[in-house]
Protein backbone atom coordinates (compact mmCIF):
# COMPACT_ATOMS: atom_id res chain seq x y z
CA MET A 1 184.05 146.65 -20.37
CA GLN A 2 181.92 145.68 -23.34
CA ASN A 3 178.27 144.80 -23.66
CA LEU A 4 178.21 141.05 -24.62
CA LYS A 5 175.18 141.56 -26.76
CA GLY A 6 176.61 144.40 -28.34
CA PHE A 7 180.03 142.62 -28.89
CA ILE A 8 178.04 139.64 -30.82
CA ASP A 9 176.03 141.98 -32.82
CA ASP A 10 179.18 144.14 -33.94
CA PHE A 11 181.45 140.79 -34.67
CA SER A 12 178.46 139.27 -36.39
CA LYS A 13 178.36 142.01 -38.65
CA ALA A 14 181.87 141.94 -39.50
CA LEU A 15 181.54 138.42 -40.22
CA LYS A 16 178.77 139.11 -42.64
CA GLU A 17 180.88 141.80 -44.14
CA ASN A 18 183.90 139.65 -44.52
CA ASN A 19 185.83 141.86 -41.88
CA ALA A 20 186.17 139.65 -39.23
CA ALA A 21 189.58 138.77 -38.04
CA ILE A 22 190.99 136.68 -35.27
CA PHE A 23 194.29 137.14 -33.10
CA ALA A 24 195.15 134.04 -31.51
CA GLY A 25 197.61 133.75 -28.30
CA ALA A 26 198.78 130.93 -26.47
CA GLY A 27 195.53 130.62 -24.34
CA LEU A 28 193.67 129.50 -27.34
CA SER A 29 196.00 126.23 -27.67
CA SER A 30 196.16 125.55 -23.96
CA GLY A 31 192.74 124.03 -23.98
CA ALA A 32 194.27 121.63 -26.79
CA GLY A 33 196.90 120.27 -24.09
CA TYR A 34 199.60 122.54 -24.66
CA VAL A 35 201.15 124.43 -22.02
CA ASN A 36 200.84 128.59 -22.05
CA TRP A 37 203.95 130.51 -22.18
CA THR A 38 204.48 130.75 -18.14
CA GLU A 39 204.58 126.79 -18.04
CA LEU A 40 206.53 126.55 -21.21
CA LEU A 41 209.32 128.73 -19.41
CA ARG A 42 208.88 127.30 -15.85
CA SER A 43 211.61 124.89 -16.26
CA VAL A 44 213.76 127.69 -17.97
CA ALA A 45 212.98 129.89 -14.84
CA GLU A 46 213.94 127.07 -12.15
CA GLU A 47 217.17 126.52 -14.08
CA LEU A 48 218.06 130.11 -13.72
CA ARG A 49 217.13 129.97 -10.15
CA LEU A 50 213.98 132.36 -10.66
CA LYS A 51 210.50 132.22 -10.02
CA VAL A 52 208.39 132.13 -13.41
CA GLU A 53 205.25 133.76 -11.51
CA ARG A 54 207.42 136.91 -10.95
CA GLU A 55 208.82 136.76 -14.37
CA GLN A 56 205.84 136.36 -16.12
CA HIS A 57 205.22 139.80 -17.35
CA ASP A 58 208.41 139.90 -19.18
CA LEU A 59 209.08 136.20 -20.60
CA VAL A 60 210.98 137.63 -23.59
CA SER A 61 213.69 138.66 -21.12
CA LEU A 62 213.56 135.33 -19.20
CA ALA A 63 214.21 133.45 -22.61
CA GLN A 64 216.86 135.76 -23.38
CA TYR A 65 218.77 135.28 -20.01
CA TYR A 66 218.43 131.52 -20.92
CA SER A 67 220.05 131.83 -24.21
CA ASN A 68 222.91 133.95 -22.57
CA GLU A 69 223.59 131.73 -20.06
CA ASN A 70 223.61 128.55 -22.45
CA GLY A 71 225.73 130.23 -25.08
CA GLY A 72 222.97 130.26 -27.42
CA ARG A 73 219.19 129.18 -27.91
CA GLY A 74 219.81 125.63 -28.92
CA LYS A 75 218.41 124.50 -25.56
CA LEU A 76 215.16 126.73 -26.10
CA ASN A 77 214.71 125.30 -29.59
CA GLN A 78 214.64 121.94 -27.86
CA ILE A 79 212.13 122.84 -25.16
CA ILE A 80 209.72 124.36 -27.93
CA THR A 81 210.22 121.21 -30.17
CA ASP A 82 209.48 119.01 -27.24
CA GLU A 83 206.19 120.85 -26.22
CA PHE A 84 204.90 121.15 -29.76
CA GLN A 85 205.88 118.00 -31.13
CA ARG A 86 203.41 116.57 -28.55
CA ARG A 87 199.89 115.07 -29.95
CA ALA A 88 197.12 117.58 -29.06
CA SER A 89 193.53 117.87 -30.22
CA ILE A 90 191.92 120.65 -31.80
CA THR A 91 189.41 122.18 -29.48
CA GLU A 92 185.63 123.04 -29.84
CA ASN A 93 186.82 126.88 -29.90
CA HIS A 94 188.96 125.74 -32.89
CA ARG A 95 186.12 123.91 -34.68
CA ILE A 96 183.79 127.27 -34.25
CA LEU A 97 186.38 129.73 -35.55
CA ALA A 98 187.02 127.19 -38.59
CA ARG A 99 183.52 127.09 -39.57
CA LEU A 100 182.70 131.01 -39.42
CA PRO A 101 183.62 132.86 -42.47
CA ILE A 102 186.86 133.97 -41.17
CA THR A 103 189.56 134.53 -44.04
CA THR A 104 192.25 136.28 -41.67
CA TYR A 105 194.25 134.48 -38.85
CA TRP A 106 196.98 135.82 -37.02
CA THR A 107 198.64 134.11 -34.43
CA SER A 108 202.07 134.08 -31.75
CA ASN A 109 201.70 130.35 -31.28
CA TYR A 110 203.93 127.68 -32.99
CA ASP A 111 201.66 125.03 -33.06
CA THR A 112 199.47 123.90 -36.06
CA LEU A 113 195.95 123.79 -34.54
CA ILE A 114 194.55 126.60 -36.72
CA GLU A 115 195.51 125.24 -39.92
CA THR A 116 194.20 121.67 -38.72
CA ALA A 117 190.97 122.85 -37.80
CA LEU A 118 190.41 124.40 -41.13
CA ARG A 119 191.56 121.67 -43.07
CA ASP A 120 189.61 119.25 -41.21
CA ILE A 121 186.07 120.90 -42.41
CA GLY A 122 187.45 120.99 -45.89
CA LYS A 123 188.95 124.66 -46.14
CA LYS A 124 192.44 125.45 -47.74
CA PRO A 125 194.57 127.57 -45.46
CA ASP A 126 197.53 129.48 -46.72
CA VAL A 127 199.95 129.58 -44.08
CA LYS A 128 202.58 132.33 -43.78
CA ILE A 129 205.49 131.36 -41.58
CA GLU A 130 208.32 133.71 -43.13
CA PRO A 131 208.16 137.06 -44.86
CA GLU A 132 208.90 135.44 -48.25
CA ASN A 133 205.59 133.49 -47.99
CA LEU A 134 203.82 136.83 -48.36
CA ALA A 135 204.98 137.07 -51.76
CA LEU A 136 203.04 133.97 -52.84
CA THR A 137 199.57 133.12 -52.75
CA LEU A 138 198.00 129.72 -52.71
CA SER A 139 195.31 129.13 -55.27
CA ASP A 140 191.80 128.55 -54.18
CA ARG A 141 192.85 129.46 -50.53
CA ASP A 142 189.73 129.72 -48.19
CA ALA A 143 191.90 131.75 -45.28
CA VAL A 144 194.98 132.93 -44.64
CA VAL A 145 197.03 131.92 -41.27
CA TYR A 146 199.83 134.39 -40.34
CA LYS A 147 202.09 132.99 -37.81
CA MET A 148 204.06 136.09 -36.88
CA HIS A 149 206.64 134.22 -34.71
CA GLY A 150 207.15 131.11 -36.60
CA ASP A 151 206.31 127.46 -36.57
CA VAL A 152 207.16 124.30 -34.69
CA SER A 153 208.77 123.36 -38.15
CA GLN A 154 211.29 125.80 -37.83
CA VAL A 155 212.08 126.28 -34.27
CA HIS A 156 215.71 127.56 -34.97
CA LYS A 157 213.60 130.69 -36.47
CA ALA A 158 211.11 130.95 -33.71
CA VAL A 159 210.83 134.47 -32.32
CA ILE A 160 211.20 133.97 -28.30
CA THR A 161 214.16 135.97 -26.91
CA ARG A 162 214.67 139.45 -26.51
CA ASP A 163 217.14 139.31 -29.74
CA ASP A 164 214.50 137.98 -31.58
CA TYR A 165 211.99 140.73 -30.59
CA GLU A 166 214.95 143.63 -31.31
CA LYS A 167 215.48 142.28 -34.71
CA TYR A 168 212.02 141.81 -35.59
CA GLU A 169 211.43 144.85 -37.66
CA LEU A 170 214.66 143.67 -39.52
CA THR A 171 213.53 140.48 -39.99
CA HIS A 172 209.84 140.54 -40.12
CA SER A 173 208.77 144.08 -41.17
CA LEU A 174 206.59 142.53 -43.87
CA PHE A 175 204.57 140.93 -41.42
CA THR A 176 204.47 144.07 -39.47
CA THR A 177 203.12 146.13 -42.41
CA ALA A 178 200.61 143.34 -43.09
CA LEU A 179 199.44 143.09 -39.39
CA GLN A 180 199.08 146.84 -39.47
CA GLY A 181 196.89 146.81 -42.56
CA ASP A 182 194.78 144.21 -41.11
CA LEU A 183 194.22 145.90 -37.93
CA VAL A 184 193.02 148.92 -39.61
CA SER A 185 190.71 147.47 -42.19
CA LYS A 186 189.26 144.30 -40.27
CA THR A 187 187.65 144.05 -36.87
CA PHE A 188 190.05 141.64 -34.51
CA LEU A 189 189.04 139.37 -31.95
CA PHE A 190 191.98 138.55 -29.78
CA ILE A 191 191.42 135.09 -27.97
CA GLY A 192 194.09 133.49 -25.44
CA PHE A 193 196.37 136.75 -25.78
CA SER A 194 197.87 138.58 -22.67
CA PHE A 195 198.98 141.64 -24.32
CA ASN A 196 202.51 141.37 -23.24
CA ASP A 197 203.94 140.75 -26.82
CA PRO A 198 206.34 143.79 -27.48
CA ASN A 199 205.88 143.37 -31.19
CA LEU A 200 202.08 143.61 -31.28
CA ASN A 201 202.14 146.47 -28.55
CA TYR A 202 204.37 148.36 -30.53
CA ILE A 203 202.21 147.81 -33.63
CA LEU A 204 198.82 148.92 -31.98
CA SER A 205 200.81 152.08 -30.60
CA ARG A 206 201.71 153.12 -34.33
CA ILE A 207 198.23 152.51 -35.52
CA ARG A 208 196.72 154.53 -32.60
CA ILE A 209 199.06 157.54 -33.37
CA ARG A 210 198.19 157.42 -36.75
CA LEU A 211 194.58 157.16 -36.75
CA GLU A 212 194.20 159.09 -33.31
CA GLY A 213 190.82 158.27 -32.10
CA ASN A 214 189.34 156.90 -35.40
CA GLN A 215 190.74 153.22 -35.05
CA ARG A 216 188.48 150.44 -35.75
CA PRO A 217 186.97 148.56 -32.92
CA HIS A 218 188.16 145.53 -31.64
CA TYR A 219 187.55 142.86 -28.99
CA CYS A 220 189.45 140.57 -26.52
CA PHE A 221 188.61 138.12 -23.93
CA LEU A 222 190.25 138.60 -20.49
CA ARG A 223 189.71 136.12 -17.39
CA ARG A 224 188.13 138.08 -14.50
CA ILE A 225 190.54 138.23 -11.39
CA VAL A 226 189.42 135.72 -9.02
CA GLU A 227 190.03 136.18 -5.19
CA SER A 228 190.37 132.28 -4.38
CA GLU A 229 193.49 132.11 -6.66
CA PHE A 230 195.44 134.46 -4.26
CA GLY A 231 197.17 134.00 -0.98
CA ASN A 232 195.95 137.03 0.63
CA LYS A 233 193.66 139.98 -0.19
CA GLU A 234 196.16 142.39 -0.50
CA ASP A 235 197.60 140.68 -3.63
CA TYR A 236 194.04 140.06 -4.95
CA ASP A 237 193.29 143.76 -4.47
CA TYR A 238 196.53 144.53 -6.43
CA ALA A 239 195.64 142.22 -9.12
CA LYS A 240 192.17 143.38 -9.57
CA ILE A 241 193.38 147.20 -9.80
CA LYS A 242 196.09 146.23 -12.51
CA GLN A 243 193.59 144.31 -14.57
CA GLU A 244 191.15 147.59 -14.40
CA LEU A 245 193.97 149.64 -15.57
CA GLN A 246 194.74 147.29 -18.37
CA ILE A 247 191.22 147.14 -19.47
CA ASN A 248 191.08 151.03 -19.66
CA ASP A 249 194.39 151.14 -21.25
CA LEU A 250 193.44 148.83 -23.90
CA LYS A 251 190.65 151.25 -24.70
CA ARG A 252 193.50 153.57 -26.18
CA PHE A 253 193.79 151.11 -29.07
CA SER A 254 190.05 150.68 -29.43
CA ILE A 255 190.15 147.12 -27.93
CA ASN A 256 187.07 146.55 -26.20
CA THR A 257 187.35 143.72 -23.61
CA ILE A 258 184.95 140.88 -22.75
CA LEU A 259 185.38 139.54 -19.07
CA VAL A 260 184.67 136.05 -18.38
CA ASP A 261 184.75 134.16 -15.31
CA GLU A 262 185.96 130.91 -16.70
CA TYR A 263 187.76 130.46 -20.01
CA GLN A 264 184.87 127.80 -20.64
CA GLU A 265 182.68 130.73 -21.17
CA ILE A 266 184.45 131.85 -24.49
CA THR A 267 183.18 128.57 -26.04
CA SER A 268 179.72 129.55 -25.38
CA ILE A 269 180.20 133.11 -26.42
CA LEU A 270 181.63 131.71 -29.75
CA LYS A 271 178.61 129.30 -30.02
CA MET A 272 176.31 132.57 -29.81
CA ILE A 273 178.34 134.27 -32.44
CA GLU A 274 177.95 131.46 -34.65
CA LYS A 275 174.44 131.11 -34.22
CA SER A 276 173.72 134.74 -34.76
CA PHE A 277 175.86 134.72 -37.79
CA ARG A 278 174.06 131.61 -39.29
CA LYS A 279 170.55 133.12 -38.69
CA ASN A 280 171.61 135.68 -41.81
CA SER A 281 171.75 132.35 -43.97
CA VAL A 282 168.82 130.21 -45.14
CA PHE A 283 169.16 126.99 -46.74
CA ILE A 284 166.34 125.99 -49.22
CA SER A 285 165.90 122.29 -49.36
CA GLY A 286 163.37 120.59 -51.80
CA SER A 287 163.06 118.72 -55.11
CA ALA A 288 159.98 118.40 -57.15
CA GLU A 289 159.32 116.09 -60.37
CA ASP A 290 155.71 116.97 -59.61
CA TYR A 291 153.91 120.01 -57.86
CA GLY A 292 151.02 117.99 -56.46
CA ALA A 293 147.93 120.00 -55.62
CA MET A 294 149.66 123.28 -56.47
CA SER A 295 149.87 124.26 -60.22
CA GLU A 296 153.21 124.49 -61.89
CA ASP A 297 152.84 128.41 -62.34
CA THR A 298 151.56 128.88 -58.65
CA ALA A 299 154.91 126.70 -57.41
CA LYS A 300 157.14 128.82 -59.51
CA GLU A 301 155.83 131.99 -58.17
CA LEU A 302 156.26 130.61 -54.52
CA LEU A 303 159.84 129.46 -55.30
CA HIS A 304 160.91 132.74 -57.05
CA GLY A 305 159.18 135.06 -54.81
CA LEU A 306 160.45 133.36 -51.72
CA SER A 307 164.41 133.52 -52.63
CA ASN A 308 163.61 136.99 -53.98
CA GLU A 309 162.05 138.43 -50.84
CA LEU A 310 164.83 136.51 -48.94
CA VAL A 311 167.73 138.50 -50.75
CA LYS A 312 165.67 141.63 -50.45
CA ARG A 313 165.83 141.48 -46.94
CA ASP A 314 169.62 140.65 -47.29
CA TYR A 315 169.39 136.96 -46.36
CA ARG A 316 172.23 134.72 -47.81
CA VAL A 317 170.18 131.78 -49.55
CA ILE A 318 171.77 128.66 -49.70
CA SER A 319 170.54 126.04 -52.42
CA GLY A 320 171.79 122.24 -53.21
CA PHE A 321 170.14 122.96 -56.85
CA GLY A 322 167.23 120.37 -56.05
CA LEU A 323 165.32 119.20 -59.16
CA GLY A 324 162.31 121.65 -60.00
CA VAL A 325 163.10 123.59 -56.94
CA GLY A 326 166.60 124.99 -57.48
CA SER A 327 166.47 126.91 -60.73
CA TYR A 328 163.53 128.79 -59.42
CA VAL A 329 165.17 129.79 -56.30
CA ILE A 330 168.22 130.80 -58.07
CA ASN A 331 166.16 133.02 -60.65
CA GLY A 332 164.22 134.62 -57.70
CA ALA A 333 167.85 135.46 -56.15
CA LEU A 334 169.17 136.86 -59.13
CA ASP A 335 166.32 139.03 -60.08
CA CYS A 336 166.76 140.51 -56.80
CA LEU A 337 170.34 141.15 -56.80
CA GLN A 338 170.07 142.71 -60.44
CA SER A 339 167.10 145.12 -59.33
CA GLU A 340 168.64 145.86 -56.20
CA ARG A 341 172.01 146.47 -57.88
CA LYS A 342 173.89 144.12 -55.46
CA SER A 343 177.28 143.31 -57.30
CA ARG A 344 178.41 140.82 -54.68
CA ILE A 345 176.33 137.89 -55.54
CA GLU A 346 178.14 135.31 -52.87
CA ASN A 347 177.16 137.49 -50.27
CA ASN A 348 173.53 136.50 -50.78
CA LEU A 349 173.61 133.29 -52.95
CA VAL A 350 175.33 130.07 -52.21
CA LEU A 351 175.07 127.10 -54.91
CA ARG A 352 176.36 123.80 -54.04
CA PRO A 353 175.13 121.21 -56.93
CA PHE A 354 175.34 117.65 -55.68
CA PRO A 355 178.52 115.59 -57.41
CA GLN A 356 176.86 112.92 -59.67
CA LYS A 357 180.21 110.60 -59.48
CA ALA A 358 181.82 108.97 -56.59
CA SER A 359 185.23 110.30 -55.84
CA GLY A 360 188.14 110.72 -53.15
CA GLY A 361 187.62 107.25 -51.97
CA LYS A 362 183.86 108.15 -51.12
CA SER A 363 180.73 106.61 -52.45
CA LEU A 364 178.09 108.70 -54.06
CA PRO A 365 175.87 108.54 -50.65
CA GLU A 366 179.00 109.42 -48.40
CA LEU A 367 179.63 112.30 -50.57
CA TRP A 368 175.99 113.81 -50.61
CA ASP A 369 176.10 113.11 -46.94
CA PHE A 370 179.19 115.18 -46.64
CA TYR A 371 177.68 118.16 -49.19
CA ARG A 372 174.63 117.95 -47.30
CA ARG A 373 176.36 118.55 -43.85
CA ASN A 374 178.44 121.19 -44.83
CA MET A 375 175.66 123.22 -46.70
CA ILE A 376 173.51 123.01 -43.83
CA ALA A 377 176.57 123.82 -41.46
CA GLU A 378 176.32 127.26 -42.74
CA ALA A 379 172.55 127.87 -42.24
CA GLY A 380 170.59 129.02 -39.17
CA ILE A 381 167.37 128.36 -40.77
CA ALA A 382 166.03 125.62 -43.16
CA ILE A 383 163.09 125.90 -45.21
CA PHE A 384 161.57 122.67 -46.91
CA LEU A 385 159.30 122.52 -49.93
CA PHE A 386 157.80 119.58 -51.82
CA GLY A 387 160.32 116.71 -51.72
CA ASN A 388 159.64 114.17 -54.22
CA LYS A 389 161.41 112.27 -57.36
CA ARG A 390 160.52 109.84 -59.97
CA VAL A 391 161.65 106.21 -59.51
CA ASP A 392 160.63 103.79 -62.45
CA GLY A 393 158.12 106.05 -63.62
CA LYS A 394 156.39 106.64 -60.24
CA ILE A 395 156.47 109.54 -58.09
CA VAL A 396 157.75 108.84 -54.47
CA ASN A 397 158.65 111.17 -51.66
CA ALA A 398 162.44 112.19 -51.90
CA GLU A 399 164.46 110.67 -48.86
CA GLY A 400 167.27 113.32 -49.57
CA VAL A 401 164.69 116.20 -48.02
CA ARG A 402 164.11 113.88 -44.87
CA ASN A 403 167.78 113.60 -44.69
CA GLU A 404 168.41 117.05 -44.86
CA PHE A 405 165.72 117.86 -42.34
CA GLU A 406 167.51 115.67 -39.56
CA ILE A 407 170.74 116.99 -40.15
CA ALA A 408 169.44 120.39 -39.70
CA TYR A 409 167.58 119.79 -36.77
CA SER A 410 170.54 117.67 -35.20
CA MET A 411 172.71 121.04 -35.85
CA GLY A 412 170.33 123.22 -33.93
CA VAL A 413 169.20 124.81 -37.30
CA ASN A 414 165.44 126.32 -37.26
CA VAL A 415 163.22 124.06 -39.55
CA ILE A 416 160.39 125.32 -41.57
CA PRO A 417 158.57 122.65 -43.54
CA VAL A 418 155.78 124.30 -45.67
CA GLY A 419 153.12 121.62 -45.16
CA VAL A 420 150.90 122.81 -48.01
CA THR A 421 153.71 121.79 -50.81
CA GLY A 422 152.99 118.07 -50.00
CA PHE A 423 155.06 115.16 -50.63
CA GLN A 424 157.83 114.52 -48.18
CA THR A 425 157.63 118.00 -46.87
CA ARG A 426 153.93 117.58 -45.64
CA ILE A 427 154.88 114.44 -43.74
CA LEU A 428 157.88 116.55 -41.93
CA TRP A 429 155.27 119.37 -41.38
CA GLU A 430 153.10 116.81 -39.74
CA GLU A 431 155.77 115.53 -37.39
CA VAL A 432 156.65 119.15 -36.45
CA MET A 433 152.84 119.93 -35.75
CA ASN A 434 152.24 116.81 -33.70
CA ASP A 435 155.59 117.47 -31.33
CA PHE A 436 155.61 121.08 -31.72
CA PRO A 437 157.37 122.16 -28.44
CA LYS A 438 160.46 119.77 -29.38
CA TYR A 439 160.89 122.44 -32.49
CA TYR A 440 159.75 125.56 -31.01
CA PRO A 441 159.16 125.49 -27.12
CA GLU A 442 157.40 129.06 -27.80
CA VAL A 443 154.42 127.13 -29.09
CA GLN A 444 151.86 130.02 -28.73
CA VAL A 445 153.98 132.50 -30.75
CA PHE A 446 155.10 129.93 -33.50
CA LYS A 447 152.23 127.32 -34.05
CA PRO A 448 149.52 129.74 -35.51
CA TRP A 449 152.04 130.59 -38.32
CA PHE A 450 152.96 126.84 -39.00
CA GLU A 451 149.23 126.15 -39.24
CA ILE A 452 148.92 128.67 -41.91
CA LEU A 453 152.00 126.92 -43.92
CA GLY A 454 149.71 123.67 -43.87
CA SER A 455 146.67 125.31 -45.28
CA THR A 456 146.98 128.45 -47.50
CA SER A 457 148.39 127.84 -51.21
CA ILE A 458 148.64 131.30 -51.92
CA PRO A 459 152.26 132.29 -52.57
CA ASP A 460 152.13 135.72 -51.05
CA GLU A 461 150.61 134.40 -48.06
CA ILE A 462 153.12 131.72 -47.36
CA ILE A 463 156.02 133.89 -48.11
CA ASN A 464 154.98 136.57 -45.76
CA THR A 465 154.08 133.80 -42.99
CA ILE A 466 157.62 132.43 -43.55
CA MET A 467 159.22 135.90 -43.27
CA LYS A 468 157.37 136.42 -39.82
CA ILE A 469 158.62 133.19 -38.57
CA ILE A 470 162.19 134.16 -39.42
CA ASP A 471 161.91 137.67 -38.04
CA GLU A 472 160.68 136.07 -34.64
CA ILE A 473 163.64 133.61 -34.69
CA ARG A 474 166.09 136.13 -35.07
CA ARG A 475 164.66 138.28 -32.62
CA ARG A 476 164.85 135.78 -30.21
CA ILE A 477 168.64 135.21 -30.50
């Protein structure tokens, strides 16, 4: 059984390195209102005068028997259509997975919940339903969703009976090849999957034989066997032993099991992964027509040095390109990327200049709010600097910086206003200092550092203090 912290660290690292992938089974969709495989085939079993509980480890054969007895799979197709045409809502698990930088999803589900969740947050999924789809690439895609058993829009082609599984290597060999490649090169998290699927078991065994002890680590969630769900202790003991044997067997395929008592725990663990990953991303908010008490050269040194140090420590800097701030943040990050010979800029620097024209039926303020929320949703830490703009020839505090502060706090992002830079940021710093436990319950640890951020104007001291705060935040995850 896998240690939870070790799993979160490993999967967060895979996310950061863009090597994380998801394999979703029926359990992921059951929370949205769809039935699992056992319930989907319950009426089928009853019609065949069988008990679905006794057949749940071989539901493929059950579907085949039904097809045999009815002269074809037409009635099975209707059952799938009736179930998956029902309206279902994406779950928090879908939303978290969509927010994470995961570019590869495999699923045996017929429903469209994964691609819906991705589209809901503005991502563009490239959905692969048939082998021919693998030869095409959707431009500007954010993720690929492989539906290895088909889709509700084409139920007549869905893989469900033993006939379908026996022909799979002939009809879907390209899916098998693609999945093998991903299982070799990416770290998978299996969610809602029972490992009773003959296709996947075959693929896993091929990889195990070829790599023999050198497979990449993968992870899965399984629900712990609960005694209260069994009629007698003998059945409970039997199921418990079988689960222990399954967990040990999965290790042959380098799949480490995370046991949960309730499926709801999966949501909490996914949130922990998201939080852990987001702590690697720092959003820098600020705008400055005027640097106030700080000289322009000192301000530039601070902004340049801050982003340079963040990238040097391998953080991902997110900037909205604020006036008088964004360009120095970018320069500092690029200088470090060049000196450290880091070739993948996108790993350490994300730029999201704000749109300057209304579009898509949204007003400019609505678009800016949408951009702000999307940018900040990627970060775990937000640093605020200056915060002013010129209106009718006068310097006024920038409301945008306040908006970003409030959005960040509402999203659980750790906020760090650098009070000494003045303007809107000074007001935010004072609000934090006056109600410190609201933002950082560990007052004794963090407050002395925040006091420094309100007093010293020496760039190196400010940067070093910010780094101490960030290091402590990360240590406490």
